């Protein structure tokens, strides 16, 4: 086992493979299960949110077909973060999506 740290962080034990660091990072990047709405503020129905996700990914030229579960879960969490941030800023996600 090794320890990594810099001047601004507390040292965290890390296995040689990095699995503990990866686990901590993944908990931050993907805090919600795929299609879990518990982290979303004032979400629409699950079906509608899934449609928004398809359209959100489509803006980046990406589809939902043929991607790994983990990639899809990360995309879902990024989408939920965007949804929440826009609500906090008083912006309308649906309108933003339609104008893209």
N, C-alpha and C. Protein backbone atom coordinates (compact mmCIF):
# COMPACT_ATOMS: atom_id res chain seq x y z
N UNK A 1 0.83 -1.17 0.00
CA UNK A 1 0.00 0.00 0.00
C UNK A 1 0.89 1.24 0.00
N UNK A 2 0.41 2.28 -0.71
CA UNK A 2 1.13 3.55 -0.73
C UNK A 2 0.21 4.65 -0.26
N UNK A 3 0.78 5.81 -0.02
CA UNK A 3 -0.04 6.97 0.35
C UNK A 3 0.26 8.10 -0.61
N UNK A 4 -0.81 8.77 -1.07
CA UNK A 4 -0.67 9.92 -1.95
C UNK A 4 -1.18 11.15 -1.24
N UNK A 5 -0.47 12.25 -1.40
CA UNK A 5 -0.95 13.51 -0.83
C UNK A 5 -0.23 14.65 -1.52
N UNK A 6 -0.82 15.82 -1.46
CA UNK A 6 -0.12 17.02 -1.84
C UNK A 6 -0.29 18.02 -0.71
N UNK A 7 0.17 19.23 -0.91
CA UNK A 7 0.14 20.21 0.18
C UNK A 7 -1.27 20.58 0.62
N UNK A 8 -2.26 20.36 -0.23
CA UNK A 8 -3.61 20.79 0.09
C UNK A 8 -4.56 19.67 0.47
N UNK A 9 -4.10 18.45 0.51
CA UNK A 9 -4.99 17.34 0.81
C UNK A 9 -4.43 16.47 1.92
N UNK A 10 -5.30 15.69 2.50
CA UNK A 10 -4.91 14.72 3.50
C UNK A 10 -4.49 13.45 2.77
N UNK A 11 -3.48 12.79 3.25
CA UNK A 11 -3.03 11.56 2.62
C UNK A 11 -4.11 10.50 2.70
N UNK A 12 -4.32 9.81 1.60
CA UNK A 12 -5.27 8.71 1.54
C UNK A 12 -4.52 7.44 1.22
N UNK A 13 -4.76 6.37 1.95
CA UNK A 13 -4.12 5.11 1.58
C UNK A 13 -4.62 4.69 0.21
N UNK A 14 -3.72 4.12 -0.59
CA UNK A 14 -4.10 3.69 -1.92
C UNK A 14 -3.42 2.37 -2.22
N UNK A 15 -4.18 1.44 -2.74
CA UNK A 15 -3.57 0.18 -3.14
C UNK A 15 -2.77 0.43 -4.40
N UNK A 16 -1.89 -0.47 -4.71
CA UNK A 16 -1.05 -0.33 -5.90
C UNK A 16 -1.92 -0.18 -7.15
N UNK A 17 -3.01 -0.90 -7.22
CA UNK A 17 -3.88 -0.84 -8.40
C UNK A 17 -4.69 0.45 -8.43
N UNK A 18 -4.74 1.19 -7.34
CA UNK A 18 -5.52 2.41 -7.29
C UNK A 18 -6.98 2.19 -7.00
N UNK A 19 -7.37 0.99 -6.59
CA UNK A 19 -8.79 0.69 -6.45
C UNK A 19 -9.47 1.52 -5.37
N UNK A 20 -8.81 1.83 -4.27
CA UNK A 20 -9.44 2.65 -3.24
C UNK A 20 -9.64 4.07 -3.75
N UNK A 21 -8.63 4.61 -4.40
CA UNK A 21 -8.75 5.95 -4.98
C UNK A 21 -9.85 5.96 -6.03
N UNK A 22 -9.89 4.94 -6.87
CA UNK A 22 -10.94 4.85 -7.89
C UNK A 22 -12.31 4.80 -7.24
N UNK A 23 -12.43 4.05 -6.16
CA UNK A 23 -13.72 3.92 -5.46
C UNK A 23 -14.17 5.27 -4.90
N UNK A 24 -13.26 5.99 -4.27
CA UNK A 24 -13.60 7.30 -3.71
C UNK A 24 -13.99 8.25 -4.84
N UNK A 25 -13.24 8.24 -5.92
CA UNK A 25 -13.53 9.12 -7.06
C UNK A 25 -14.88 8.77 -7.67
N UNK A 26 -15.15 7.48 -7.82
CA UNK A 26 -16.43 7.06 -8.41
C UNK A 26 -17.61 7.46 -7.54
N UNK A 27 -17.45 7.40 -6.22
CA UNK A 27 -18.55 7.83 -5.33
C UNK A 27 -18.85 9.30 -5.56
N UNK A 28 -17.85 10.08 -5.89
CA UNK A 28 -18.06 11.50 -6.16
C UNK A 28 -18.66 11.71 -7.55
N UNK A 29 -18.16 10.98 -8.54
CA UNK A 29 -18.63 11.15 -9.91
C UNK A 29 -19.98 10.50 -10.17
N UNK A 30 -20.23 9.38 -9.51
CA UNK A 30 -21.48 8.67 -9.75
C UNK A 30 -22.17 8.35 -8.42
N UNK A 31 -22.72 9.40 -7.78
CA UNK A 31 -23.34 9.20 -6.47
C UNK A 31 -24.71 8.53 -6.53
N UNK A 32 -25.32 8.49 -7.71
CA UNK A 32 -26.66 7.91 -7.83
C UNK A 32 -26.64 6.72 -8.77
N UNK A 33 -27.52 5.78 -8.49
CA UNK A 33 -27.68 4.64 -9.39
C UNK A 33 -28.31 5.11 -10.69
N UNK A 34 -28.13 4.34 -11.72
CA UNK A 34 -28.72 4.66 -13.02
C UNK A 34 -30.23 4.79 -12.88
N UNK A 35 -30.76 5.88 -13.36
CA UNK A 35 -32.19 6.22 -13.34
C UNK A 35 -32.75 6.44 -11.94
N UNK A 36 -31.87 6.70 -10.98
CA UNK A 36 -32.30 7.06 -9.63
C UNK A 36 -32.59 8.56 -9.62
N UNK A 37 -33.79 8.93 -9.22
CA UNK A 37 -34.18 10.34 -9.20
C UNK A 37 -34.01 10.99 -7.82
N UNK A 38 -33.47 10.26 -6.86
CA UNK A 38 -33.38 10.80 -5.50
C UNK A 38 -32.49 12.03 -5.42
N UNK A 39 -31.53 12.17 -6.30
CA UNK A 39 -30.64 13.33 -6.28
C UNK A 39 -31.15 14.52 -7.07
N UNK A 40 -32.22 14.31 -7.84
CA UNK A 40 -32.75 15.39 -8.69
C UNK A 40 -33.72 16.26 -7.90
N UNK A 41 -33.62 17.54 -8.12
CA UNK A 41 -34.55 18.48 -7.49
C UNK A 41 -35.75 18.68 -8.41
N UNK A 42 -36.93 18.45 -7.88
CA UNK A 42 -38.19 18.64 -8.62
C UNK A 42 -38.15 17.96 -9.99
N UNK A 43 -37.86 16.65 -10.02
CA UNK A 43 -37.77 15.97 -11.32
C UNK A 43 -39.14 15.77 -11.95
N UNK A 44 -39.12 15.60 -13.27
CA UNK A 44 -40.31 15.15 -13.98
C UNK A 44 -40.40 13.64 -13.77
N UNK A 45 -41.32 12.99 -14.46
CA UNK A 45 -41.46 11.54 -14.33
C UNK A 45 -40.18 10.86 -14.82
N UNK A 46 -39.96 9.64 -14.38
CA UNK A 46 -38.77 8.89 -14.79
C UNK A 46 -38.71 8.78 -16.31
N UNK A 47 -39.82 8.46 -16.93
CA UNK A 47 -39.86 8.32 -18.39
C UNK A 47 -39.44 9.63 -19.08
N UNK A 48 -39.94 10.73 -18.58
CA UNK A 48 -39.59 12.04 -19.15
C UNK A 48 -38.12 12.36 -18.92
N UNK A 49 -37.62 12.07 -17.73
CA UNK A 49 -36.21 12.33 -17.44
C UNK A 49 -35.31 11.46 -18.32
N UNK A 50 -35.71 10.22 -18.58
CA UNK A 50 -34.94 9.36 -19.47
C UNK A 50 -34.91 9.95 -20.88
N UNK A 51 -36.03 10.51 -21.32
CA UNK A 51 -36.07 11.16 -22.63
C UNK A 51 -35.14 12.37 -22.65
N UNK A 52 -35.14 13.15 -21.58
CA UNK A 52 -34.22 14.29 -21.49
C UNK A 52 -32.77 13.82 -21.56
N UNK A 53 -32.47 12.70 -20.90
CA UNK A 53 -31.11 12.16 -20.95
C UNK A 53 -30.73 11.81 -22.38
N UNK A 54 -31.62 11.15 -23.11
CA UNK A 54 -31.34 10.81 -24.51
C UNK A 54 -31.03 12.07 -25.31
N UNK A 55 -31.82 13.09 -25.11
CA UNK A 55 -31.63 14.34 -25.84
C UNK A 55 -30.37 15.07 -25.37
N UNK A 56 -30.10 15.04 -24.07
CA UNK A 56 -28.90 15.65 -23.49
C UNK A 56 -27.65 15.02 -24.10
N UNK A 57 -27.62 13.70 -24.17
CA UNK A 57 -26.47 13.01 -24.79
C UNK A 57 -26.40 13.29 -26.28
N UNK A 58 -27.56 13.38 -26.91
CA UNK A 58 -27.61 13.66 -28.33
C UNK A 58 -26.96 15.00 -28.69
N UNK A 59 -27.04 15.96 -27.78
CA UNK A 59 -26.40 17.26 -28.02
C UNK A 59 -24.90 17.11 -28.18
N UNK A 60 -24.35 16.08 -27.59
CA UNK A 60 -22.91 15.83 -27.67
C UNK A 60 -22.58 14.79 -28.74
N UNK A 61 -23.57 14.47 -29.57
CA UNK A 61 -23.34 13.50 -30.64
C UNK A 61 -23.22 12.08 -30.13
N UNK A 62 -23.80 11.81 -28.97
CA UNK A 62 -23.71 10.47 -28.38
C UNK A 62 -25.10 9.88 -28.24
N UNK A 63 -25.18 8.58 -28.36
CA UNK A 63 -26.46 7.90 -28.16
C UNK A 63 -26.37 7.07 -26.88
N UNK A 64 -27.45 6.38 -26.57
CA UNK A 64 -27.46 5.49 -25.41
C UNK A 64 -27.16 4.05 -25.82
N UNK A 65 -27.05 3.82 -27.10
CA UNK A 65 -26.83 2.46 -27.60
C UNK A 65 -25.36 2.06 -27.52
N UNK A 66 -25.14 0.85 -27.06
CA UNK A 66 -23.81 0.26 -27.08
C UNK A 66 -22.81 0.84 -26.10
N UNK A 67 -23.25 1.54 -25.07
CA UNK A 67 -22.30 2.05 -24.09
C UNK A 67 -22.38 1.20 -22.82
N UNK A 68 -21.31 1.21 -22.07
CA UNK A 68 -21.27 0.39 -20.86
C UNK A 68 -22.22 0.95 -19.80
N UNK A 69 -22.59 0.10 -18.87
CA UNK A 69 -23.45 0.52 -17.77
C UNK A 69 -22.82 1.66 -17.00
N UNK A 70 -21.52 1.55 -16.72
CA UNK A 70 -20.83 2.58 -15.95
C UNK A 70 -20.83 3.92 -16.69
N UNK A 71 -20.60 3.88 -17.99
CA UNK A 71 -20.64 5.12 -18.77
C UNK A 71 -22.02 5.74 -18.77
N UNK A 72 -23.03 4.90 -18.88
CA UNK A 72 -24.40 5.39 -18.86
C UNK A 72 -24.74 5.99 -17.49
N UNK A 73 -24.28 5.33 -16.44
CA UNK A 73 -24.51 5.84 -15.09
C UNK A 73 -23.82 7.19 -14.89
N UNK A 74 -22.60 7.33 -15.37
CA UNK A 74 -21.88 8.61 -15.26
C UNK A 74 -22.62 9.70 -16.03
N UNK A 75 -23.12 9.34 -17.19
CA UNK A 75 -23.87 10.30 -17.99
C UNK A 75 -25.16 10.72 -17.27
N UNK A 76 -25.83 9.75 -16.65
CA UNK A 76 -27.04 10.05 -15.88
C UNK A 76 -26.73 11.04 -14.75
N UNK A 77 -25.65 10.80 -14.03
CA UNK A 77 -25.28 11.67 -12.91
C UNK A 77 -24.90 13.07 -13.41
N UNK A 78 -24.20 13.15 -14.54
CA UNK A 78 -23.87 14.46 -15.12
C UNK A 78 -25.14 15.20 -15.52
N UNK A 79 -26.08 14.47 -16.07
CA UNK A 79 -27.37 15.05 -16.45
C UNK A 79 -28.11 15.57 -15.22
N UNK A 80 -28.15 14.79 -14.15
CA UNK A 80 -28.84 15.21 -12.93
C UNK A 80 -28.17 16.45 -12.34
N UNK A 81 -26.83 16.49 -12.38
CA UNK A 81 -26.13 17.68 -11.90
C UNK A 81 -26.50 18.91 -12.72
N UNK A 82 -26.56 18.75 -14.04
CA UNK A 82 -26.94 19.87 -14.92
C UNK A 82 -28.37 20.31 -14.60
N UNK A 83 -29.27 19.34 -14.47
CA UNK A 83 -30.67 19.62 -14.13
C UNK A 83 -30.75 20.46 -12.85
N UNK A 84 -30.07 20.01 -11.80
CA UNK A 84 -30.10 20.71 -10.51
C UNK A 84 -29.49 22.10 -10.60
N UNK A 85 -28.36 22.21 -11.29
CA UNK A 85 -27.68 23.49 -11.41
C UNK A 85 -28.55 24.52 -12.13
N UNK A 86 -29.25 24.07 -13.17
CA UNK A 86 -30.11 24.98 -13.90
C UNK A 86 -31.29 25.43 -13.04
N UNK A 87 -31.83 24.52 -12.24
CA UNK A 87 -32.91 24.90 -11.33
C UNK A 87 -32.42 25.92 -10.30
N UNK A 88 -31.23 25.68 -9.76
CA UNK A 88 -30.65 26.61 -8.78
C UNK A 88 -30.45 28.00 -9.37
N UNK A 89 -30.10 28.04 -10.66
CA UNK A 89 -29.85 29.31 -11.34
C UNK A 89 -31.14 29.94 -11.87
N UNK A 90 -32.27 29.28 -11.65
CA UNK A 90 -33.55 29.81 -12.12
C UNK A 90 -33.78 29.64 -13.61
N UNK A 91 -33.04 28.72 -14.22
CA UNK A 91 -33.20 28.48 -15.66
C UNK A 91 -34.04 27.24 -15.88
N UNK A 92 -34.63 27.13 -17.05
CA UNK A 92 -35.51 26.03 -17.39
C UNK A 92 -34.77 25.03 -18.27
N UNK A 93 -34.55 23.82 -17.74
CA UNK A 93 -33.81 22.81 -18.48
C UNK A 93 -34.51 22.44 -19.77
N UNK A 94 -35.82 22.25 -19.71
CA UNK A 94 -36.57 21.84 -20.89
C UNK A 94 -36.44 22.87 -22.01
N UNK A 95 -36.53 24.13 -21.66
CA UNK A 95 -36.40 25.19 -22.65
C UNK A 95 -34.97 25.24 -23.20
N UNK A 96 -34.00 25.09 -22.33
CA UNK A 96 -32.60 25.05 -22.75
C UNK A 96 -32.37 23.92 -23.74
N UNK A 97 -32.92 22.76 -23.44
CA UNK A 97 -32.77 21.59 -24.30
C UNK A 97 -33.45 21.82 -25.65
N UNK A 98 -34.63 22.40 -25.63
CA UNK A 98 -35.37 22.65 -26.87
C UNK A 98 -34.67 23.68 -27.76
N UNK A 99 -33.95 24.61 -27.16
CA UNK A 99 -33.27 25.65 -27.93
C UNK A 99 -31.92 25.21 -28.48
N UNK A 100 -31.48 24.06 -28.14
CA UNK A 100 -30.18 23.56 -28.61
C UNK A 100 -30.30 22.92 -29.95
